[in-house]
Amino acid sequence: MKEALHINEVLQLLDKAGKERKKVNVRAWKKDGNEVDYIGWLPLTGHWRGGIHRLMNPANGEVRAVIDVLIYEFNGHTVYL
């Protein structure tokens, strides 16, 4: 059974993965309520005050900002607040 993770644990794991250059799988909602999947993306930076993390697609270099509280799944684990 997969264990649920608290958002603070997820943020720490994102920062750790960014330092180690490891790919992550993140599922989140966008501001308009649509879902978006970031499968195999690299975390770049996080801003605890702004509440965002930037993820980069290694295939084409595209960078996207993800709002931390809108992340609902991280590497197959459910995320709760």
PDB file of N, CA and C in Angstrom:
ATOM      1  N   MET A   1       0.842  -1.177   0.000  1.00  0.00           N
ATOM      2  CA  MET A   1       0.000   0.000   0.000  1.00  0.00           C
ATOM      3  C   MET A   1       0.889   1.243   0.000  1.00  0.00           C
ATOM      4  N   LYS A   2       0.534   2.216  -0.815  1.00  0.00           N
ATOM      5  CA  LYS A   2       1.304   3.446  -0.891  1.00  0.00           C
ATOM      6  C   LYS A   2       0.937   4.367   0.264  1.00  0.00           C
ATOM      7  N   GLU A   3       1.950   5.013   0.798  1.00  0.00           N
ATOM      8  CA  GLU A   3       1.777   5.905   1.926  1.00  0.00           C
ATOM      9  C   GLU A   3       1.520   7.328   1.448  1.00  0.00           C
ATOM     10  N   ALA A   4       0.623   8.016   2.103  1.00  0.00           N
ATOM     11  CA  ALA A   4       0.372   9.420   1.780  1.00  0.00           C
ATOM     12  C   ALA A   4       1.471  10.285   2.379  1.00  0.00           C
ATOM     13  N   LEU A   5       1.797  11.376   1.712  1.00  0.00           N
ATOM     14  CA  LEU A   5       2.842  12.278   2.160  1.00  0.00           C
ATOM     15  C   LEU A   5       2.261  13.653   2.470  1.00  0.00           C
ATOM     16  N   HIS A   6       2.789  14.286   3.500  1.00  0.00           N
ATOM     17  CA  HIS A   6       2.407  15.654   3.823  1.00  0.00           C
ATOM     18  C   HIS A   6       3.108  16.585   2.845  1.00  0.00           C
ATOM     19  N   ILE A   7       2.493  17.716   2.557  1.00  0.00           N
ATOM     20  CA  ILE A   7       3.050  18.660   1.586  1.00  0.00           C
ATOM     21  C   ILE A   7       4.461  19.105   1.981  1.00  0.00           C
ATOM     22  N   ASN A   8       4.740  19.246   3.277  1.00  0.00           N
ATOM     23  CA  ASN A   8       6.084  19.649   3.709  1.00  0.00           C
ATOM     24  C   ASN A   8       7.128  18.592   3.346  1.00  0.00           C
ATOM     25  N   GLU A   9       6.757  17.310   3.468  1.00  0.00           N
ATOM     26  CA  GLU A   9       7.664  16.234   3.062  1.00  0.00           C
ATOM     27  C   GLU A   9       7.914  16.284   1.557  1.00  0.00           C
ATOM     28  N   VAL A  10       6.875  16.549   0.807  1.00  0.00           N
ATOM     29  CA  VAL A  10       6.999  16.627  -0.646  1.00  0.00           C
ATOM     30  C   VAL A  10       7.928  17.761  -1.044  1.00  0.00           C
ATOM     31  N   LEU A  11       7.802  18.906  -0.401  1.00  0.00           N
ATOM     32  CA  LEU A  11       8.659  20.042  -0.716  1.00  0.00           C
ATOM     33  C   LEU A  11      10.119  19.724  -0.411  1.00  0.00           C
ATOM     34  N   GLN A  12      10.362  19.023   0.688  1.00  0.00           N
ATOM     35  CA  GLN A  12      11.729  18.614   1.020  1.00  0.00           C
ATOM     36  C   GLN A  12      12.259  17.618  -0.003  1.00  0.00           C
ATOM     37  N   LEU A  13      11.416  16.675  -0.420  1.00  0.00           N
ATOM     38  CA  LEU A  13      11.830  15.694  -1.418  1.00  0.00           C
ATOM     39  C   LEU A  13      12.086  16.347  -2.775  1.00  0.00           C
ATOM     40  N   LEU A  14      11.298  17.359  -3.128  1.00  0.00           N
ATOM     41  CA  LEU A  14      11.531  18.095  -4.370  1.00  0.00           C
ATOM     42  C   LEU A  14      12.878  18.815  -4.330  1.00  0.00           C
ATOM     43  N   ASP A  15      13.181  19.448  -3.198  1.00  0.00           N
ATOM     44  CA  ASP A  15      14.461  20.147  -3.064  1.00  0.00           C
ATOM     45  C   ASP A  15      15.626  19.162  -3.122  1.00  0.00           C
ATOM     46  N   LYS A  16      15.469  18.017  -2.463  1.00  0.00           N
ATOM     47  CA  LYS A  16      16.517  16.989  -2.474  1.00  0.00           C
ATOM     48  C   LYS A  16      16.722  16.444  -3.890  1.00  0.00           C
ATOM     49  N   ALA A  17      15.636  16.175  -4.594  1.00  0.00           N
ATOM     50  CA  ALA A  17      15.731  15.671  -5.965  1.00  0.00           C
ATOM     51  C   ALA A  17      16.379  16.697  -6.877  1.00  0.00           C
ATOM     52  N   GLY A  18      16.126  17.971  -6.643  1.00  0.00           N
ATOM     53  CA  GLY A  18      16.743  19.021  -7.437  1.00  0.00           C
ATOM     54  C   GLY A  18      18.249  19.064  -7.246  1.00  0.00           C
ATOM     55  N   LYS A  19      18.699  18.899  -6.002  1.00  0.00           N
ATOM     56  CA  LYS A  19      20.132  18.905  -5.717  1.00  0.00           C
ATOM     57  C   LYS A  19      20.827  17.685  -6.317  1.00  0.00           C
ATOM     58  N   GLU A  20      20.117  16.538  -6.298  1.00  0.00           N
ATOM     59  CA  GLU A  20      20.694  15.292  -6.801  1.00  0.00           C
ATOM     60  C   GLU A  20      20.422  15.071  -8.289  1.00  0.00           C
ATOM     61  N   ARG A  21      19.708  16.024  -8.927  1.00  0.00           N
ATOM     62  CA  ARG A  21      19.368  15.934 -10.353  1.00  0.00           C
ATOM     63  C   ARG A  21      18.614  14.642 -10.674  1.00  0.00           C
ATOM     64  N   LYS A  22      17.603  14.318  -9.848  1.00  0.00           N
ATOM     65  CA  LYS A  22      16.765  13.144 -10.066  1.00  0.00           C
ATOM     66  C   LYS A  22      15.422  13.573 -10.627  1.00  0.00           C
ATOM     67  N   LYS A  23      14.895  12.771 -11.524  1.00  0.00           N
ATOM     68  CA  LYS A  23      13.592  13.054 -12.118  1.00  0.00           C
ATOM     69  C   LYS A  23      12.482  12.674 -11.146  1.00  0.00           C
ATOM     70  N   VAL A  24      11.379  13.420 -11.227  1.00  0.00           N
ATOM     71  CA  VAL A  24      10.221  13.169 -10.367  1.00  0.00           C
ATOM     72  C   VAL A  24       8.958  13.115 -11.216  1.00  0.00           C
ATOM     73  N   ASN A  25       7.925  12.534 -10.641  1.00  0.00           N
ATOM     74  CA  ASN A  25       6.598  12.487 -11.252  1.00  0.00           C
ATOM     75  C   ASN A  25       5.653  13.274 -10.352  1.00  0.00           C
ATOM     76  N   VAL A  26       5.082  14.334 -10.896  1.00  0.00           N
ATOM     77  CA  VAL A  26       4.205  15.210 -10.123  1.00  0.00           C
ATOM     78  C   VAL A  26       2.883  15.349 -10.871  1.00  0.00           C
ATOM     79  N   ARG A  27       1.799  15.221 -10.131  1.00  0.00           N
ATOM     80  CA  ARG A  27       0.463  15.507 -10.673  1.00  0.00           C
ATOM     81  C   ARG A  27      -0.082  16.673  -9.863  1.00  0.00           C
ATOM     82  N   ALA A  28      -0.607  17.668 -10.571  1.00  0.00           N
ATOM     83  CA  ALA A  28      -1.105  18.873  -9.903  1.00  0.00           C
ATOM     84  C   ALA A  28      -2.295  19.427 -10.668  1.00  0.00           C
ATOM     85  N   TRP A  29      -2.992  20.331 -10.004  1.00  0.00           N
ATOM     86  CA  TRP A  29      -4.059  21.073 -10.655  1.00  0.00           C
ATOM     87  C   TRP A  29      -3.500  22.396 -11.123  1.00  0.00           C
ATOM     88  N   LYS A  30      -4.079  22.920 -12.200  1.00  0.00           N
ATOM     89  CA  LYS A  30      -3.764  24.276 -12.629  1.00  0.00           C
ATOM     90  C   LYS A  30      -4.763  25.217 -11.964  1.00  0.00           C
ATOM     91  N   LYS A  31      -4.535  26.496 -12.095  1.00  0.00           N
ATOM     92  CA  LYS A  31      -5.424  27.490 -11.473  1.00  0.00           C
ATOM     93  C   LYS A  31      -6.862  27.364 -11.955  1.00  0.00           C
ATOM     94  N   ASP A  32      -7.048  26.930 -13.213  1.00  0.00           N
ATOM     95  CA  ASP A  32      -8.390  26.819 -13.763  1.00  0.00           C
ATOM     96  C   ASP A  32      -9.069  25.489 -13.429  1.00  0.00           C
ATOM     97  N   GLY A  33      -8.402  24.621 -12.660  1.00  0.00           N
ATOM     98  CA  GLY A  33      -8.997  23.361 -12.234  1.00  0.00           C
ATOM     99  C   GLY A  33      -8.626  22.163 -13.082  1.00  0.00           C
ATOM    100  N   ASN A  34      -7.963  22.371 -14.207  1.00  0.00           N
ATOM    101  CA  ASN A  34      -7.516  21.253 -15.036  1.00  0.00           C
ATOM    102  C   ASN A  34      -6.330  20.559 -14.380  1.00  0.00           C
ATOM    103  N   GLU A  35      -6.180  19.273 -14.699  1.00  0.00           N
ATOM    104  CA  GLU A  35      -5.063  18.505 -14.158  1.00  0.00           C
ATOM    105  C   GLU A  35      -3.900  18.518 -15.140  1.00  0.00           C
ATOM    106  N   VAL A  36      -2.697  18.450 -14.594  1.00  0.00           N
ATOM    107  CA  VAL A  36      -1.506  18.387 -15.436  1.00  0.00           C
ATOM    108  C   VAL A  36      -0.534  17.380 -14.813  1.00  0.00           C
ATOM    109  N   ASP A  37       0.081  16.561 -15.658  1.00  0.00           N
ATOM    110  CA  ASP A  37       1.044  15.557 -15.215  1.00  0.00           C
ATOM    111  C   ASP A  37       2.442  15.963 -15.663  1.00  0.00           C
ATOM    112  N   TYR A  38       3.369  15.941 -14.735  1.00  0.00           N
ATOM    113  CA  TYR A  38       4.774  16.176 -15.041  1.00  0.00           C
ATOM    114  C   TYR A  38       5.503  14.871 -14.753  1.00  0.00           C
ATOM    115  N   ILE A  39       5.630  14.029 -15.768  1.00  0.00           N
ATOM    116  CA  ILE A  39       6.230  12.707 -15.618  1.00  0.00           C
ATOM    117  C   ILE A  39       7.682  12.775 -16.083  1.00  0.00           C
ATOM    118  N   GLY A  40       8.604  12.474 -15.158  1.00  0.00           N
ATOM    119  CA  GLY A  40      10.015  12.478 -15.494  1.00  0.00           C
ATOM    120  C   GLY A  40      10.615  13.866 -15.651  1.00  0.00           C
ATOM    121  N   TRP A  41      10.129  14.842 -14.903  1.00  0.00           N
ATOM    122  CA  TRP A  41      10.650  16.205 -14.975  1.00  0.00           C
ATOM    123  C   TRP A  41      11.682  16.412 -13.866  1.00  0.00           C
ATOM    124  N   LEU A  42      12.600  17.353 -14.072  1.00  0.00           N
ATOM    125  CA  LEU A  42      13.639  17.676 -13.102  1.00  0.00           C
ATOM    126  C   LEU A  42      13.251  18.920 -12.302  1.00  0.00           C
ATOM    127  N   PRO A  43      13.269  18.838 -10.965  1.00  0.00           N
ATOM    128  CA  PRO A  43      13.020  20.040 -10.166  1.00  0.00           C
ATOM    129  C   PRO A  43      14.222  20.985 -10.272  1.00  0.00           C
ATOM    130  N   LEU A  44      13.955  22.253 -10.485  1.00  0.00           N
ATOM    131  CA  LEU A  44      15.038  23.235 -10.580  1.00  0.00           C
ATOM    132  C   LEU A  44      15.177  24.021  -9.292  1.00  0.00           C
ATOM    133  N   THR A  45      14.168  24.804  -8.971  1.00  0.00           N
ATOM    134  CA  THR A  45      14.225  25.653  -7.787  1.00  0.00           C
ATOM    135  C   THR A  45      12.883  25.663  -7.098  1.00  0.00           C
ATOM    136  N   GLY A  46      12.919  26.035  -5.854  1.00  0.00           N
ATOM    137  CA  GLY A  46      11.699  26.222  -5.087  1.00  0.00           C
ATOM    138  C   GLY A  46      11.776  27.533  -4.338  1.00  0.00           C
ATOM    139  N   HIS A  47      10.648  28.125  -4.071  1.00  0.00           N
ATOM    140  CA  HIS A  47      10.606  29.378  -3.339  1.00  0.00           C
ATOM    141  C   HIS A  47       9.555  29.227  -2.256  1.00  0.00           C
ATOM    142  N   TRP A  48      10.009  29.049  -1.011  1.00  0.00           N
ATOM    143  CA  TRP A  48       9.072  28.762   0.075  1.00  0.00           C
ATOM    144  C   TRP A  48       8.127  29.922   0.324  1.00  0.00           C
ATOM    145  N   ARG A  49       8.592  31.128   0.111  1.00  0.00           N
ATOM    146  CA  ARG A  49       7.725  32.269   0.330  1.00  0.00           C
ATOM    147  C   ARG A  49       6.688  32.417  -0.765  1.00  0.00           C
ATOM    148  N   GLY A  50       7.094  32.182  -1.989  1.00  0.00           N
ATOM    149  CA  GLY A  50       6.176  32.294  -3.108  1.00  0.00           C
ATOM    150  C   GLY A  50       5.296  31.073  -3.275  1.00  0.00           C
ATOM    151  N   GLY A  51       5.715  29.949  -2.668  1.00  0.00           N
ATOM    152  CA  GLY A  51       4.914  28.736  -2.734  1.00  0.00           C
ATOM    153  C   GLY A  51       4.921  28.063  -4.087  1.00  0.00           C
ATOM    154  N   ILE A  52       6.043  28.175  -4.824  1.00  0.00           N
ATOM    155  CA  ILE A  52       6.127  27.541  -6.137  1.00  0.00           C
ATOM    156  C   ILE A  52       7.415  26.734  -6.263  1.00  0.00           C
ATOM    157  N   HIS A  53       7.400  25.789  -7.167  1.00  0.00           N
ATOM    158  CA  HIS A  53       8.590  25.063  -7.586  1.00  0.00           C
ATOM    159  C   HIS A  53       8.640  25.099  -9.108  1.00  0.00           C
ATOM    160  N   ARG A  54       9.812  25.201  -9.635  1.00  0.00           N
ATOM    161  CA  ARG A  54       9.997  25.180 -11.086  1.00  0.00           C
ATOM    162  C   ARG A  54      10.492  23.800 -11.485  1.00  0.00           C
ATOM    163  N   LEU A  55       9.858  23.246 -12.528  1.00  0.00           N
ATOM    164  CA  LEU A  55      10.216  21.933 -13.055  1.00  0.00           C
ATOM    165  C   LEU A  55      10.638  22.086 -14.506  1.00  0.00           C
ATOM    166  N   MET A  56      11.640  21.294 -14.910  1.00  0.00           N
ATOM    167  CA  MET A  56      12.127  21.353 -16.280  1.00  0.00           C
ATOM    168  C   MET A  56      11.949  20.003 -16.955  1.00  0.00           C
ATOM    169  N   ASN A  57      11.440  20.029 -18.184  1.00  0.00           N
ATOM    170  CA  ASN A  57      11.319  18.831 -19.001  1.00  0.00           C
ATOM    171  C   ASN A  57      12.693  18.564 -19.623  1.00  0.00           C
ATOM    172  N   PRO A  58      13.350  17.447 -19.283  1.00  0.00           N
ATOM    173  CA  PRO A  58      14.687  17.198 -19.809  1.00  0.00           C
ATOM    174  C   PRO A  58      14.711  16.934 -21.313  1.00  0.00           C
ATOM    175  N   ALA A  59      13.593  16.579 -21.898  1.00  0.00           N
ATOM    176  CA  ALA A  59      13.546  16.277 -23.328  1.00  0.00           C
ATOM    177  C   ALA A  59      13.694  17.533 -24.189  1.00  0.00           C
ATOM    178  N   ASN A  60      13.056  18.646 -23.752  1.00  0.00           N
ATOM    179  CA  ASN A  60      13.090  19.846 -24.584  1.00  0.00           C
ATOM    180  C   ASN A  60      13.484  21.119 -23.839  1.00  0.00           C
ATOM    181  N   GLY A  61      13.766  21.033 -22.545  1.00  0.00           N
ATOM    182  CA  GLY A  61      14.212  22.192 -21.778  1.00  0.00           C
ATOM    183  C   GLY A  61      13.106  23.130 -21.336  1.00  0.00           C
ATOM    184  N   GLU A  62      11.846  22.750 -21.562  1.00  0.00           N
ATOM    185  CA  GLU A  62      10.711  23.587 -21.158  1.00  0.00           C
ATOM    186  C   GLU A  62      10.643  23.676 -19.630  1.00  0.00           C
ATOM    187  N   VAL A  63      10.435  24.865 -19.109  1.00  0.00           N
ATOM    188  CA  VAL A  63      10.350  25.097 -17.668  1.00  0.00           C
ATOM    189  C   VAL A  63       8.948  25.550 -17.317  1.00  0.00           C
ATOM    190  N   ARG A  64       8.383  24.945 -16.262  1.00  0.00           N
ATOM    191  CA  ARG A  64       7.050  25.327 -15.793  1.00  0.00           C
ATOM    192  C   ARG A  64       7.097  25.563 -14.292  1.00  0.00           C
ATOM    193  N   ALA A  65       6.271  26.460 -13.815  1.00  0.00           N
ATOM    194  CA  ALA A  65       6.135  26.736 -12.390  1.00  0.00           C
ATOM    195  C   ALA A  65       4.894  26.011 -11.876  1.00  0.00           C
ATOM    196  N   VAL A  66       5.045  25.318 -10.759  1.00  0.00           N
ATOM    197  CA  VAL A  66       3.942  24.582 -10.141  1.00  0.00           C
ATOM    198  C   VAL A  66       3.692  25.179  -8.760  1.00  0.00           C
ATOM    199  N   ILE A  67       2.452  25.524  -8.491  1.00  0.00           N
ATOM    200  CA  ILE A  67       2.092  26.037  -7.175  1.00  0.00           C
ATOM    201  C   ILE A  67       2.062  24.860  -6.198  1.00  0.00           C
ATOM    202  N   ASP A  68       2.798  24.992  -5.100  1.00  0.00           N
ATOM    203  CA  ASP A  68       3.001  23.878  -4.170  1.00  0.00           C
ATOM    204  C   ASP A  68       1.699  23.285  -3.631  1.00  0.00           C
ATOM    205  N   VAL A  69       0.762  24.122  -3.223  1.00  0.00           N
ATOM    206  CA  VAL A  69      -0.465  23.605  -2.609  1.00  0.00           C
ATOM    207  C   VAL A  69      -1.393  22.928  -3.606  1.00  0.00           C
ATOM    208  N   LEU A  70      -1.108  23.045  -4.898  1.00  0.00           N
ATOM    209  CA  LEU A  70      -1.942  22.398  -5.909  1.00  0.00           C
ATOM    210  C   LEU A  70      -1.413  21.021  -6.310  1.00  0.00           C
ATOM    211  N   ILE A  71      -0.291  20.594  -5.711  1.00  0.00           N
ATOM    212  CA  ILE A  71       0.244  19.256  -5.970  1.00  0.00           C
ATOM    213  C   ILE A  71      -0.590  18.246  -5.191  1.00  0.00           C
ATOM    214  N   TYR A  72      -1.123  17.249  -5.878  1.00  0.00           N
ATOM    215  CA  TYR A  72      -1.925  16.238  -5.186  1.00  0.00           C
ATOM    216  C   TYR A  72      -1.339  14.831  -5.290  1.00  0.00           C
ATOM    217  N   GLU A  73      -0.294  14.653  -6.080  1.00  0.00           N
ATOM    218  CA  GLU A  73       0.375  13.351  -6.146  1.00  0.00           C
ATOM    219  C   GLU A  73       1.848  13.559  -6.464  1.00  0.00           C
ATOM    220  N   PHE A  74       2.716  12.852  -5.729  1.00  0.00           N
ATOM    221  CA  PHE A  74       4.160  12.952  -5.924  1.00  0.00           C
ATOM    222  C   PHE A  74       4.751  11.551  -5.967  1.00  0.00           C
ATOM    223  N   ASN A  75       5.344  11.193  -7.087  1.00  0.00           N
ATOM    224  CA  ASN A  75       5.966   9.870  -7.281  1.00  0.00           C
ATOM    225  C   ASN A  75       5.035   8.731  -6.859  1.00  0.00           C
ATOM    226  N   GLY A  76       3.767   8.848  -7.191  1.00  0.00           N
ATOM    227  CA  GLY A  76       2.807   7.798  -6.910  1.00  0.00           C
ATOM    228  C   GLY A  76       2.187   7.852  -5.527  1.00  0.00           C
ATOM    229  N   HIS A  77       2.586   8.808  -4.692  1.00  0.00           N
ATOM    230  CA  HIS A  77       2.045   8.956  -3.350  1.00  0.00           C
ATOM    231  C   HIS A  77       1.052  10.116  -3.316  1.00  0.00           C
ATOM    232  N   THR A  78      -0.061   9.924  -2.651  1.00  0.00           N
ATOM    233  CA  THR A  78      -1.046  10.989  -2.471  1.00  0.00           C
ATOM    234  C   THR A  78      -0.460  12.032  -1.538  1.00  0.00           C
ATOM    235  N   VAL A  79      -0.756  13.288  -1.822  1.00  0.00           N
ATOM    236  CA  VAL A  79      -0.238  14.405  -1.011  1.00  0.00           C
ATOM    237  C   VAL A  79      -1.417  15.036  -0.264  1.00  0.00           C
ATOM    238  N   TYR A  80      -1.215  15.287   1.032  1.00  0.00           N
ATOM    239  CA  TYR A  80      -2.254  15.973   1.813  1.00  0.00           C
ATOM    240  C   TYR A  80      -1.662  17.219   2.461  1.00  0.00           C
ATOM    241  N   LEU A  81      -2.546  18.151   2.833  1.00  0.00           N
ATOM    242  CA  LEU A  81      -2.102  19.422   3.447  1.00  0.00           C
ATOM    243  C   LEU A  81      -2.072  19.321   4.925  1.00  0.00           C
TER     244      LEU A  81
END
